[in-house]
PDB file of N, CA and C in Angstrom:
ATOM      1  N   UNK A   1      -4.370  -3.033 -52.223  1.00  0.00           N
ATOM      2  CA  UNK A   1      -4.667  -3.922 -51.130  1.00  0.00           C
ATOM      3  C   UNK A   1      -3.903  -3.506 -49.873  1.00  0.00           C
ATOM      4  N   UNK A   2      -2.844  -2.814 -50.008  1.00  0.00           N
ATOM      5  CA  UNK A   2      -2.053  -2.370 -48.864  1.00  0.00           C
ATOM      6  C   UNK A   2      -2.863  -1.507 -47.896  1.00  0.00           C
ATOM      7  N   UNK A   3      -3.656  -0.507 -48.343  1.00  0.00           N
ATOM      8  CA  UNK A   3      -4.411   0.315 -47.402  1.00  0.00           C
ATOM      9  C   UNK A   3      -5.370  -0.509 -46.541  1.00  0.00           C
ATOM     10  N   UNK A   4      -5.999  -1.558 -47.091  1.00  0.00           N
ATOM     11  CA  UNK A   4      -6.915  -2.388 -46.311  1.00  0.00           C
ATOM     12  C   UNK A   4      -6.155  -3.119 -45.202  1.00  0.00           C
ATOM     13  N   UNK A   5      -4.982  -3.601 -45.531  1.00  0.00           N
ATOM     14  CA  UNK A   5      -4.174  -4.303 -44.541  1.00  0.00           C
ATOM     15  C   UNK A   5      -3.794  -3.358 -43.403  1.00  0.00           C
ATOM     16  N   UNK A   6      -3.401  -2.128 -43.736  1.00  0.00           N
ATOM     17  CA  UNK A   6      -3.050  -1.149 -42.711  1.00  0.00           C
ATOM     18  C   UNK A   6      -4.255  -0.800 -41.857  1.00  0.00           C
ATOM     19  N   UNK A   7      -5.422  -0.593 -42.498  1.00  0.00           N
ATOM     20  CA  UNK A   7      -6.627  -0.257 -41.750  1.00  0.00           C
ATOM     21  C   UNK A   7      -7.007  -1.399 -40.814  1.00  0.00           C
ATOM     22  N   UNK A   8      -6.899  -2.626 -41.286  1.00  0.00           N
ATOM     23  CA  UNK A   8      -7.230  -3.781 -40.462  1.00  0.00           C
ATOM     24  C   UNK A   8      -6.279  -3.861 -39.279  1.00  0.00           C
ATOM     25  N   UNK A   9      -5.033  -3.604 -39.529  1.00  0.00           N
ATOM     26  CA  UNK A   9      -4.044  -3.631 -38.461  1.00  0.00           C
ATOM     27  C   UNK A   9      -4.335  -2.541 -37.436  1.00  0.00           C
ATOM     28  N   UNK A  10      -4.691  -1.353 -37.889  1.00  0.00           N
ATOM     29  CA  UNK A  10      -5.026  -0.263 -36.976  1.00  0.00           C
ATOM     30  C   UNK A  10      -6.261  -0.613 -36.149  1.00  0.00           C
ATOM     31  N   UNK A  11      -7.234  -1.266 -36.763  1.00  0.00           N
ATOM     32  CA  UNK A  11      -8.426  -1.693 -36.044  1.00  0.00           C
ATOM     33  C   UNK A  11      -8.061  -2.727 -34.985  1.00  0.00           C
ATOM     34  N   UNK A  12      -7.210  -3.677 -35.355  1.00  0.00           N
ATOM     35  CA  UNK A  12      -6.759  -4.679 -34.383  1.00  0.00           C
ATOM     36  C   UNK A  12      -6.064  -4.014 -33.197  1.00  0.00           C
ATOM     37  N   UNK A  13      -5.215  -3.055 -33.502  1.00  0.00           N
ATOM     38  CA  UNK A  13      -4.493  -2.346 -32.445  1.00  0.00           C
ATOM     39  C   UNK A  13      -5.478  -1.609 -31.552  1.00  0.00           C
ATOM     40  N   UNK A  14      -6.442  -0.923 -32.159  1.00  0.00           N
ATOM     41  CA  UNK A  14      -7.441  -0.172 -31.403  1.00  0.00           C
ATOM     42  C   UNK A  14      -8.237  -1.099 -30.486  1.00  0.00           C
ATOM     43  N   UNK A  15      -8.670  -2.242 -31.011  1.00  0.00           N
ATOM     44  CA  UNK A  15      -9.428  -3.203 -30.206  1.00  0.00           C
ATOM     45  C   UNK A  15      -8.564  -3.787 -29.092  1.00  0.00           C
ATOM     46  N   UNK A  16      -7.321  -4.065 -29.420  1.00  0.00           N
ATOM     47  CA  UNK A  16      -6.400  -4.616 -28.426  1.00  0.00           C
ATOM     48  C   UNK A  16      -6.170  -3.626 -27.287  1.00  0.00           C
ATOM     49  N   UNK A  17      -5.971  -2.364 -27.633  1.00  0.00           N
ATOM     50  CA  UNK A  17      -5.784  -1.325 -26.619  1.00  0.00           C
ATOM     51  C   UNK A  17      -7.056  -1.169 -25.798  1.00  0.00           C
ATOM     52  N   UNK A  18      -8.198  -1.202 -26.460  1.00  0.00           N
ATOM     53  CA  UNK A  18      -9.471  -1.091 -25.746  1.00  0.00           C
ATOM     54  C   UNK A  18      -9.646  -2.207 -24.734  1.00  0.00           C
ATOM     55  N   UNK A  19      -9.316  -3.426 -25.124  1.00  0.00           N
ATOM     56  CA  UNK A  19      -9.429  -4.559 -24.206  1.00  0.00           C
ATOM     57  C   UNK A  19      -8.438  -4.426 -23.058  1.00  0.00           C
ATOM     58  N   UNK A  20      -7.230  -3.983 -23.369  1.00  0.00           N
ATOM     59  CA  UNK A  20      -6.224  -3.801 -22.319  1.00  0.00           C
ATOM     60  C   UNK A  20      -6.677  -2.734 -21.322  1.00  0.00           C
ATOM     61  N   UNK A  21      -7.311  -1.677 -21.814  1.00  0.00           N
ATOM     62  CA  UNK A  21      -7.812  -0.632 -20.913  1.00  0.00           C
ATOM     63  C   UNK A  21      -8.940  -1.161 -20.033  1.00  0.00           C
ATOM     64  N   UNK A  22      -9.781  -1.998 -20.603  1.00  0.00           N
ATOM     65  CA  UNK A  22     -10.833  -2.637 -19.810  1.00  0.00           C
ATOM     66  C   UNK A  22     -10.212  -3.508 -18.727  1.00  0.00           C
ATOM     67  N   UNK A  23      -9.170  -4.245 -19.091  1.00  0.00           N
ATOM     68  CA  UNK A  23      -8.463  -5.075 -18.106  1.00  0.00           C
ATOM     69  C   UNK A  23      -7.887  -4.214 -16.978  1.00  0.00           C
ATOM     70  N   UNK A  24      -7.288  -3.075 -17.337  1.00  0.00           N
ATOM     71  CA  UNK A  24      -6.725  -2.169 -16.337  1.00  0.00           C
ATOM     72  C   UNK A  24      -7.828  -1.631 -15.429  1.00  0.00           C
ATOM     73  N   UNK A  25      -8.965  -1.250 -16.023  1.00  0.00           N
ATOM     74  CA  UNK A  25     -10.083  -0.754 -15.217  1.00  0.00           C
ATOM     75  C   UNK A  25     -10.542  -1.807 -14.212  1.00  0.00           C
ATOM     76  N   UNK A  26     -10.632  -3.054 -14.655  1.00  0.00           N
ATOM     77  CA  UNK A  26     -11.023  -4.151 -13.759  1.00  0.00           C
ATOM     78  C   UNK A  26      -9.992  -4.339 -12.645  1.00  0.00           C
ATOM     79  N   UNK A  27      -8.720  -4.281 -13.003  1.00  0.00           N
ATOM     80  CA  UNK A  27      -7.659  -4.401 -11.997  1.00  0.00           C
ATOM     81  C   UNK A  27      -7.715  -3.249 -10.995  1.00  0.00           C
ATOM     82  N   UNK A  28      -7.949  -2.030 -11.495  1.00  0.00           N
ATOM     83  CA  UNK A  28      -8.045  -0.875 -10.601  1.00  0.00           C
ATOM     84  C   UNK A  28      -9.183  -1.044  -9.602  1.00  0.00           C
ATOM     85  N   UNK A  29     -10.323  -1.563 -10.055  1.00  0.00           N
ATOM     86  CA  UNK A  29     -11.438  -1.801  -9.134  1.00  0.00           C
ATOM     87  C   UNK A  29     -11.055  -2.817  -8.066  1.00  0.00           C
ATOM     88  N   UNK A  30     -10.300  -3.832  -8.454  1.00  0.00           N
ATOM     89  CA  UNK A  30      -9.818  -4.809  -7.480  1.00  0.00           C
ATOM     90  C   UNK A  30      -8.859  -4.188  -6.481  1.00  0.00           C
ATOM     91  N   UNK A  31      -7.974  -3.330  -6.968  1.00  0.00           N
ATOM     92  CA  UNK A  31      -7.028  -2.639  -6.083  1.00  0.00           C
ATOM     93  C   UNK A  31      -7.785  -1.749  -5.101  1.00  0.00           C
ATOM     94  N   UNK A  32      -8.795  -1.039  -5.597  1.00  0.00           N
ATOM     95  CA  UNK A  32      -9.604  -0.174  -4.732  1.00  0.00           C
ATOM     96  C   UNK A  32     -10.291  -0.999  -3.649  1.00  0.00           C
ATOM     97  N   UNK A  33     -10.848  -2.133  -4.031  1.00  0.00           N
ATOM     98  CA  UNK A  33     -11.512  -3.012  -3.062  1.00  0.00           C
ATOM     99  C   UNK A  33     -10.518  -3.462  -1.989  1.00  0.00           C
ATOM    100  N   UNK A  34      -9.329  -3.877  -2.415  1.00  0.00           N
ATOM    101  CA  UNK A  34      -8.305  -4.314  -1.459  1.00  0.00           C
ATOM    102  C   UNK A  34      -7.835  -3.166  -0.564  1.00  0.00           C
ATOM    103  N   UNK A  35      -7.685  -1.973  -1.127  1.00  0.00           N
ATOM    104  CA  UNK A  35      -7.262  -0.827  -0.319  1.00  0.00           C
ATOM    105  C   UNK A  35      -8.318  -0.468   0.723  1.00  0.00           C
ATOM    106  N   UNK A  36      -9.588  -0.593   0.357  1.00  0.00           N
ATOM    107  CA  UNK A  36     -10.649  -0.331   1.342  1.00  0.00           C
ATOM    108  C   UNK A  36     -10.578  -1.342   2.482  1.00  0.00           C
ATOM    109  N   UNK A  37     -10.324  -2.593   2.151  1.00  0.00           N
ATOM    110  CA  UNK A  37     -10.187  -3.623   3.181  1.00  0.00           C
ATOM    111  C   UNK A  37      -8.974  -3.330   4.058  1.00  0.00           C
ATOM    112  N   UNK A  38      -7.864  -2.943   3.412  1.00  0.00           N
ATOM    113  CA  UNK A  38      -6.642  -2.635   4.160  1.00  0.00           C
ATOM    114  C   UNK A  38      -6.874  -1.446   5.077  1.00  0.00           C
ATOM    115  N   UNK A  39      -7.579  -0.427   4.567  1.00  0.00           N
ATOM    116  CA  UNK A  39      -7.853   0.767   5.371  1.00  0.00           C
ATOM    117  C   UNK A  39      -8.674   0.411   6.615  1.00  0.00           C
ATOM    118  N   UNK A  40      -9.663  -0.460   6.453  1.00  0.00           N
ATOM    119  CA  UNK A  40     -10.488  -0.863   7.600  1.00  0.00           C
ATOM    120  C   UNK A  40      -9.638  -1.539   8.679  1.00  0.00           C
ATOM    121  N   UNK A  41      -8.740  -2.415   8.271  1.00  0.00           N
ATOM    122  CA  UNK A  41      -7.865  -3.092   9.240  1.00  0.00           C
ATOM    123  C   UNK A  41      -6.907  -2.084   9.874  1.00  0.00           C
ATOM    124  N   UNK A  42      -6.336  -1.214   9.060  1.00  0.00           N
ATOM    125  CA  UNK A  42      -5.400  -0.208   9.565  1.00  0.00           C
ATOM    126  C   UNK A  42      -6.085   0.719  10.563  1.00  0.00           C
ATOM    127  N   UNK A  43      -7.300   1.136  10.264  1.00  0.00           N
ATOM    128  CA  UNK A  43      -8.019   2.025  11.171  1.00  0.00           C
ATOM    129  C   UNK A  43      -8.352   1.322  12.487  1.00  0.00           C
ATOM    130  N   UNK A  44      -8.623   0.031  12.424  1.00  0.00           N
ATOM    131  CA  UNK A  44      -8.868  -0.737  13.647  1.00  0.00           C
ATOM    132  C   UNK A  44      -7.606  -0.734  14.528  1.00  0.00           C
ATOM    133  N   UNK A  45      -6.451  -0.931  13.890  1.00  0.00           N
ATOM    134  CA  UNK A  45      -5.177  -0.897  14.629  1.00  0.00           C
ATOM    135  C   UNK A  45      -4.943   0.492  15.222  1.00  0.00           C
ATOM    136  N   UNK A  46      -5.195   1.527  14.427  1.00  0.00           N
ATOM    137  CA  UNK A  46      -4.982   2.896  14.905  1.00  0.00           C
ATOM    138  C   UNK A  46      -5.870   3.206  16.107  1.00  0.00           C
ATOM    139  N   UNK A  47      -7.141   2.810  16.042  1.00  0.00           N
ATOM    140  CA  UNK A  47      -8.052   3.045  17.170  1.00  0.00           C
ATOM    141  C   UNK A  47      -7.568   2.317  18.426  1.00  0.00           C
ATOM    142  N   UNK A  48      -7.115   1.087  18.246  1.00  0.00           N
ATOM    143  CA  UNK A  48      -6.617   0.307  19.385  1.00  0.00           C
ATOM    144  C   UNK A  48      -5.404   0.984  20.003  1.00  0.00           C
ATOM    145  N   UNK A  49      -4.486   1.450  19.163  1.00  0.00           N
ATOM    146  CA  UNK A  49      -3.276   2.111  19.667  1.00  0.00           C
ATOM    147  C   UNK A  49      -3.640   3.398  20.415  1.00  0.00           C
ATOM    148  N   UNK A  50      -4.575   4.176  19.861  1.00  0.00           N
ATOM    149  CA  UNK A  50      -4.958   5.432  20.500  1.00  0.00           C
ATOM    150  C   UNK A  50      -5.664   5.182  21.834  1.00  0.00           C
ATOM    151  N   UNK A  51      -6.500   4.145  21.907  1.00  0.00           N
ATOM    152  CA  UNK A  51      -7.176   3.804  23.165  1.00  0.00           C
ATOM    153  C   UNK A  51      -6.168   3.409  24.247  1.00  0.00           C
ATOM    154  N   UNK A  52      -5.052   2.869  23.826  1.00  0.00           N
ATOM    155  CA  UNK A  52      -3.995   2.477  24.770  1.00  0.00           C
ATOM    156  C   UNK A  52      -3.013   3.627  25.007  1.00  0.00           C
ATOM    157  N   UNK A  53      -3.437   4.842  24.619  1.00  0.00           N
ATOM    158  CA  UNK A  53      -2.605   6.043  24.757  1.00  0.00           C
ATOM    159  C   UNK A  53      -1.283   5.937  24.005  1.00  0.00           C
ATOM    160  N   UNK A  54      -1.283   5.185  22.929  1.00  0.00           N
ATOM    161  CA  UNK A  54      -0.101   5.073  22.082  1.00  0.00           C
ATOM    162  C   UNK A  54      -0.208   6.006  20.889  1.00  0.00           C
ATOM    163  N   UNK A  55       0.832   6.069  20.106  1.00  0.00           N
ATOM    164  CA  UNK A  55       0.793   6.899  18.895  1.00  0.00           C
ATOM    165  C   UNK A  55      -0.100   6.252  17.834  1.00  0.00           C
ATOM    166  N   UNK A  56      -0.661   7.088  16.982  1.00  0.00           N
ATOM    167  CA  UNK A  56      -1.534   6.582  15.921  1.00  0.00           C
ATOM    168  C   UNK A  56      -0.758   5.738  14.923  1.00  0.00           C
ATOM    169  N   UNK A  57       0.481   6.137  14.655  1.00  0.00           N
ATOM    170  CA  UNK A  57       1.282   5.400  13.671  1.00  0.00           C
ATOM    171  C   UNK A  57       2.559   4.875  14.314  1.00  0.00           C
ATOM    172  N   UNK A  58       3.124   3.882  13.674  1.00  0.00           N
ATOM    173  CA  UNK A  58       4.378   3.265  14.118  1.00  0.00           C
ATOM    174  C   UNK A  58       5.388   3.450  12.987  1.00  0.00           C
ATOM    175  N   UNK A  59       6.278   4.451  13.098  1.00  0.00           N
ATOM    176  CA  UNK A  59       7.224   4.722  12.014  1.00  0.00           C
ATOM    177  C   UNK A  59       8.067   3.509  11.618  1.00  0.00           C
ATOM    178  N   UNK A  60       8.458   2.688  12.577  1.00  0.00           N
ATOM    179  CA  UNK A  60       9.239   1.492  12.251  1.00  0.00           C
ATOM    180  C   UNK A  60       8.456   0.538  11.367  1.00  0.00           C
ATOM    181  N   UNK A  61       7.182   0.359  11.701  1.00  0.00           N
ATOM    182  CA  UNK A  61       6.318  -0.508  10.892  1.00  0.00           C
ATOM    183  C   UNK A  61       6.145   0.084   9.495  1.00  0.00           C
ATOM    184  N   UNK A  62       5.967   1.390   9.414  1.00  0.00           N
ATOM    185  CA  UNK A  62       5.816   2.023   8.105  1.00  0.00           C
ATOM    186  C   UNK A  62       7.087   1.884   7.277  1.00  0.00           C
ATOM    187  N   UNK A  63       8.241   1.943   7.915  1.00  0.00           N
ATOM    188  CA  UNK A  63       9.502   1.715   7.200  1.00  0.00           C
ATOM    189  C   UNK A  63       9.561   0.291   6.650  1.00  0.00           C
ATOM    190  N   UNK A  64       9.095  -0.676   7.456  1.00  0.00           N
ATOM    191  CA  UNK A  64       9.062  -2.071   6.990  1.00  0.00           C
ATOM    192  C   UNK A  64       8.162  -2.219   5.770  1.00  0.00           C
ATOM    193  N   UNK A  65       7.011  -1.561   5.814  1.00  0.00           N
ATOM    194  CA  UNK A  65       6.064  -1.623   4.696  1.00  0.00           C
ATOM    195  C   UNK A  65       6.694  -1.004   3.449  1.00  0.00           C
ATOM    196  N   UNK A  66       7.338   0.148   3.611  1.00  0.00           N
ATOM    197  CA  UNK A  66       7.989   0.807   2.470  1.00  0.00           C
ATOM    198  C   UNK A  66       9.070  -0.087   1.878  1.00  0.00           C
ATOM    199  N   UNK A  67       9.794  -0.788   2.726  1.00  0.00           N
ATOM    200  CA  UNK A  67      10.852  -1.685   2.257  1.00  0.00           C
ATOM    201  C   UNK A  67      10.264  -2.805   1.384  1.00  0.00           C
ATOM    202  N   UNK A  68       9.112  -3.330   1.778  1.00  0.00           N
ATOM    203  CA  UNK A  68       8.464  -4.383   0.984  1.00  0.00           C
ATOM    204  C   UNK A  68       8.068  -3.844  -0.387  1.00  0.00           C
ATOM    205  N   UNK A  69       7.456  -2.671  -0.416  1.00  0.00           N
ATOM    206  CA  UNK A  69       7.050  -2.086  -1.700  1.00  0.00           C
ATOM    207  C   UNK A  69       8.271  -1.772  -2.562  1.00  0.00           C
ATOM    208  N   UNK A  70       9.328  -1.274  -1.925  1.00  0.00           N
ATOM    209  CA  UNK A  70      10.564  -0.972  -2.660  1.00  0.00           C
ATOM    210  C   UNK A  70      11.157  -2.239  -3.257  1.00  0.00           C
ATOM    211  N   UNK A  71      11.051  -3.359  -2.544  1.00  0.00           N
ATOM    212  CA  UNK A  71      11.611  -4.614  -3.065  1.00  0.00           C
ATOM    213  C   UNK A  71      10.852  -5.102  -4.296  1.00  0.00           C
ATOM    214  N   UNK A  72       9.602  -4.698  -4.421  1.00  0.00           N
ATOM    215  CA  UNK A  72       8.800  -5.116  -5.575  1.00  0.00           C
ATOM    216  C   UNK A  72       8.798  -4.095  -6.708  1.00  0.00           C
ATOM    217  N   UNK A  73       8.926  -2.804  -6.376  1.00  0.00           N
ATOM    218  CA  UNK A  73       8.793  -1.760  -7.388  1.00  0.00           C
ATOM    219  C   UNK A  73      10.026  -0.883  -7.541  1.00  0.00           C
ATOM    220  N   UNK A  74      11.113  -1.225  -6.879  1.00  0.00           N
ATOM    221  CA  UNK A  74      12.307  -0.393  -6.973  1.00  0.00           C
ATOM    222  C   UNK A  74      12.092   0.934  -6.266  1.00  0.00           C
ATOM    223  N   UNK A  75      12.759   1.959  -6.748  1.00  0.00           N
ATOM    224  CA  UNK A  75      12.692   3.272  -6.103  1.00  0.00           C
ATOM    225  C   UNK A  75      11.274   3.820  -6.031  1.00  0.00           C
ATOM    226  N   UNK A  76      10.437   3.516  -7.024  1.00  0.00           N
ATOM    227  CA  UNK A  76       9.064   4.027  -6.997  1.00  0.00           C
ATOM    228  C   UNK A  76       8.228   3.349  -5.915  1.00  0.00           C
ATOM    229  N   UNK A  77       8.747   2.284  -5.322  1.00  0.00           N
ATOM    230  CA  UNK A  77       8.045   1.621  -4.232  1.00  0.00           C
ATOM    231  C   UNK A  77       7.814   2.535  -3.043  1.00  0.00           C
ATOM    232  N   UNK A  78       8.735   3.479  -2.815  1.00  0.00           N
ATOM    233  CA  UNK A  78       8.541   4.442  -1.723  1.00  0.00           C
ATOM    234  C   UNK A  78       7.287   5.277  -1.961  1.00  0.00           C
ATOM    235  N   UNK A  79       7.094   5.700  -3.210  1.00  0.00           N
ATOM    236  CA  UNK A  79       5.910   6.498  -3.539  1.00  0.00           C
ATOM    237  C   UNK A  79       4.634   5.674  -3.397  1.00  0.00           C
ATOM    238  N   UNK A  80       4.688   4.425  -3.845  1.00  0.00           N
ATOM    239  CA  UNK A  80       3.522   3.544  -3.739  1.00  0.00           C
ATOM    240  C   UNK A  80       3.192   3.321  -2.267  1.00  0.00           C
ATOM    241  N   UNK A  81       4.194   3.000  -1.472  1.00  0.00           N
ATOM    242  CA  UNK A  81       3.972   2.765  -0.039  1.00  0.00           C
ATOM    243  C   UNK A  81       3.410   4.010   0.635  1.00  0.00           C
ATOM    244  N   UNK A  82       3.963   5.166   0.319  1.00  0.00           N
ATOM    245  CA  UNK A  82       3.488   6.412   0.930  1.00  0.00           C
ATOM    246  C   UNK A  82       2.021   6.660   0.582  1.00  0.00           C
ATOM    247  N   UNK A  83       1.650   6.405  -0.667  1.00  0.00           N
ATOM    248  CA  UNK A  83       0.259   6.602  -1.082  1.00  0.00           C
ATOM    249  C   UNK A  83      -0.667   5.624  -0.368  1.00  0.00           C
ATOM    250  N   UNK A  84      -0.251   4.377  -0.262  1.00  0.00           N
ATOM    251  CA  UNK A  84      -1.068   3.367   0.425  1.00  0.00           C
ATOM    252  C   UNK A  84      -1.218   3.739   1.898  1.00  0.00           C
ATOM    253  N   UNK A  85      -0.123   4.066   2.547  1.00  0.00           N
ATOM    254  CA  UNK A  85      -0.176   4.410   3.969  1.00  0.00           C
ATOM    255  C   UNK A  85      -1.035   5.647   4.208  1.00  0.00           C
ATOM    256  N   UNK A  86      -0.898   6.643   3.350  1.00  0.00           N
ATOM    257  CA  UNK A  86      -1.688   7.867   3.485  1.00  0.00           C
ATOM    258  C   UNK A  86      -3.178   7.571   3.302  1.00  0.00           C
ATOM    259  N   UNK A  87      -3.508   6.727   2.330  1.00  0.00           N
ATOM    260  CA  UNK A  87      -4.908   6.385   2.064  1.00  0.00           C
ATOM    261  C   UNK A  87      -5.528   5.580   3.199  1.00  0.00           C
ATOM    262  N   UNK A  88      -4.705   4.905   3.972  1.00  0.00           N
ATOM    263  CA  UNK A  88      -5.217   4.011   5.021  1.00  0.00           C
ATOM    264  C   UNK A  88      -5.226   4.633   6.410  1.00  0.00           C
ATOM    265  N   UNK A  89      -4.807   5.872   6.518  1.00  0.00           N
ATOM    266  CA  UNK A  89      -4.857   6.534   7.821  1.00  0.00           C
ATOM    267  C   UNK A  89      -6.250   7.097   8.047  1.00  0.00           C
ATOM    268  N   UNK A  90      -6.614   7.211   9.323  1.00  0.00           N
ATOM    269  CA  UNK A  90      -7.934   7.764   9.676  1.00  0.00           C
ATOM    270  C   UNK A  90      -8.032   9.207   9.243  1.00  0.00           C
TER     271      UNK A  90
END
């Protein structure tokens, strides 16, 4: 009877992992949707700044954004912020 219990447990684990991966896929789609929205707003700001003969980016603002991500993700927050900022530039 032991092998059946192990097989059942392995099946439960497999199904659990499968559901968790589906959850991650759904979350990733939500993140992508939000990043597209963020990019649209960021590009609007960049166009406005360029029309006013200003710089496309504001390093001080980007530092503030990185600080927020760092406060939520620790040291890896810098990498997350850099990826988000890079994805949202024109």
